[in-house]
Amino acid sequence: MAFPRARTASIWTGLGSARSSHATPALSSRFALDLTTDRELGRVQIAGEADAIWYSAAADRLYVAIGEPGVIDVVDGRALAVVDQVTTEQGAHTTAFDAQRGRLYVFLPKLCQAAIYAEI
């Protein structure tokens, strides 16, 4: 995530979710905070409750694993906007990110496999 100052840290945290009685995915809002000033930097709407979040400094992207509905939301760290959504499978929320190689590993529990996604 792009920080206003070199010493600034941030935190990516949840605000809860808005669920409907229809069979639509839950939406969840997340926000970024500047931990040195407690100032909110921005908010972004994602597809559901975040299970795991990885940050790529090289791409300035957040990879947000959401087991329900089974997607990875790709968030631009500078714009704080979802720029891509990768369908995995329902329940897929166990992930690992290799920053050196620019790869996101996602365990697919129903298939008993792992998917590997490369940054482009």
Protein backbone atom coordinates (compact mmCIF):
# COMPACT_ATOMS: atom_id res chain seq x y z
CA MET A 1 0.00 0.00 0.00
CA ALA A 2 1.33 3.47 -0.76
CA PHE A 3 2.02 5.41 2.43
CA PRO A 4 1.93 9.21 2.74
CA ARG A 5 5.33 9.26 4.52
CA ALA A 6 8.16 6.75 4.65
CA ARG A 7 7.66 6.21 8.40
CA THR A 8 3.91 5.68 8.08
CA ALA A 9 2.48 2.25 8.70
CA SER A 10 -1.02 1.17 7.89
CA ILE A 11 -3.50 -1.44 8.93
CA TRP A 12 -6.16 -3.11 6.79
CA THR A 13 -9.14 -3.93 8.91
CA GLY A 14 -12.83 -4.73 8.75
CA LEU A 15 -15.99 -2.77 9.24
CA GLY A 16 -18.35 -5.76 9.09
CA SER A 17 -20.57 -7.05 6.35
CA ALA A 18 -23.95 -6.29 4.88
CA ARG A 19 -25.89 -9.48 4.19
CA SER A 20 -29.24 -9.77 2.45
CA SER A 21 -31.87 -12.50 2.62
CA HIS A 22 -31.31 -13.23 -1.09
CA ALA A 23 -28.77 -15.73 -2.40
CA THR A 24 -26.26 -12.99 -3.18
CA PRO A 25 -22.72 -12.85 -1.85
CA ALA A 26 -22.11 -10.79 1.27
CA LEU A 27 -20.33 -7.50 0.80
CA SER A 28 -17.82 -6.23 3.28
CA SER A 29 -16.15 -2.87 3.62
CA ARG A 30 -12.49 -2.56 4.60
CA PHE A 31 -10.47 0.50 5.45
CA ALA A 32 -6.82 1.50 5.67
CA LEU A 33 -5.49 3.52 8.59
CA ASP A 34 -2.33 5.55 8.98
CA LEU A 35 -1.08 4.19 12.32
CA THR A 36 1.01 7.27 13.09
CA THR A 37 -1.96 9.66 12.88
CA ASP A 38 -4.98 7.30 13.23
CA ARG A 39 -6.27 8.92 10.03
CA GLU A 40 -8.42 6.85 7.71
CA LEU A 41 -6.75 6.64 4.30
CA GLY A 42 -9.69 5.14 2.42
CA ARG A 43 -12.26 2.37 2.12
CA VAL A 44 -12.98 -0.34 -0.40
CA GLN A 45 -15.93 -2.70 -0.85
CA ILE A 46 -14.93 -6.37 -1.22
CA ALA A 47 -16.97 -9.48 -2.07
CA GLY A 48 -17.30 -10.79 1.52
CA GLU A 49 -15.52 -11.32 4.81
CA ALA A 50 -11.76 -11.41 4.35
CA ASP A 51 -10.14 -14.66 5.49
CA ALA A 52 -6.54 -13.79 4.58
CA ILE A 53 -4.86 -10.69 3.19
CA TRP A 54 -1.44 -10.54 1.55
CA TYR A 55 0.38 -7.41 0.39
CA SER A 56 2.72 -7.23 -2.59
CA ALA A 57 5.01 -4.22 -2.28
CA ALA A 58 6.34 -4.80 -5.81
CA ALA A 59 2.87 -4.57 -7.36
CA ASP A 60 1.29 -2.37 -4.64
CA ARG A 61 -1.58 -4.85 -4.49
CA LEU A 62 -3.53 -6.52 -1.70
CA TYR A 63 -4.71 -10.07 -2.33
CA VAL A 64 -7.83 -10.68 -0.25
CA ALA A 65 -8.95 -14.31 0.05
CA ILE A 66 -12.69 -14.62 0.60
CA GLY A 67 -13.83 -18.21 1.23
CA GLU A 68 -17.50 -17.33 0.74
CA PRO A 69 -18.12 -16.95 -2.22
CA GLY A 70 -14.66 -18.35 -3.11
CA VAL A 71 -12.72 -15.50 -4.70
CA ILE A 72 -9.54 -13.48 -4.40
CA ASP A 73 -10.22 -9.75 -4.62
CA VAL A 74 -7.19 -7.89 -5.96
CA VAL A 75 -7.04 -4.39 -4.48
CA ASP A 76 -4.88 -1.59 -5.87
CA GLY A 77 -3.00 -0.22 -2.86
CA ARG A 78 -2.76 3.31 -4.18
CA ALA A 79 -6.34 3.71 -5.43
CA LEU A 80 -7.91 1.45 -2.75
CA ALA A 81 -10.13 -0.12 -5.40
CA VAL A 82 -10.79 -3.71 -6.45
CA VAL A 83 -9.07 -4.04 -9.83
CA ASP A 84 -9.58 -7.76 -10.39
CA GLN A 85 -11.42 -10.72 -8.93
CA VAL A 86 -10.14 -14.28 -9.34
CA THR A 87 -12.59 -17.14 -8.84
CA THR A 88 -11.11 -19.94 -6.72
CA GLU A 89 -13.71 -22.22 -5.11
CA GLN A 90 -16.09 -21.96 -2.21
CA GLY A 91 -14.23 -22.38 1.08
CA ALA A 92 -10.82 -21.52 -0.41
CA HIS A 93 -9.25 -19.18 2.13
CA THR A 94 -5.93 -20.79 3.09
CA THR A 95 -3.26 -18.88 1.17
CA ALA A 96 0.44 -18.10 1.10
CA PHE A 97 2.22 -15.35 -0.81
CA ASP A 98 5.78 -15.58 -2.12
CA ALA A 99 6.80 -11.94 -2.56
CA GLN A 100 10.16 -12.83 -4.09
CA ARG A 101 8.55 -14.81 -6.92
CA GLY A 102 5.29 -12.82 -7.07
CA ARG A 103 3.11 -15.88 -6.58
CA LEU A 104 -0.04 -16.44 -4.56
CA TYR A 105 -0.76 -20.03 -3.50
CA VAL A 106 -4.38 -20.92 -2.72
CA PHE A 107 -5.47 -24.24 -1.21
CA LEU A 108 -8.65 -25.53 -2.88
CA PRO A 109 -10.27 -27.72 -0.20
CA LYS A 110 -12.92 -29.40 -2.36
CA LEU A 111 -10.41 -30.40 -5.04
CA CYS A 112 -7.63 -31.18 -2.50
CA GLN A 113 -5.27 -29.17 -4.71
CA ALA A 114 -3.42 -25.88 -4.68
CA ALA A 115 -3.75 -23.19 -7.30
CA ILE A 116 -0.79 -20.94 -8.08
CA TYR A 117 -1.38 -17.42 -9.39
CA ALA A 118 1.45 -15.26 -10.74
CA GLU A 119 1.51 -11.47 -10.62
CA ILE A 120 1.52 -9.87 -14.05
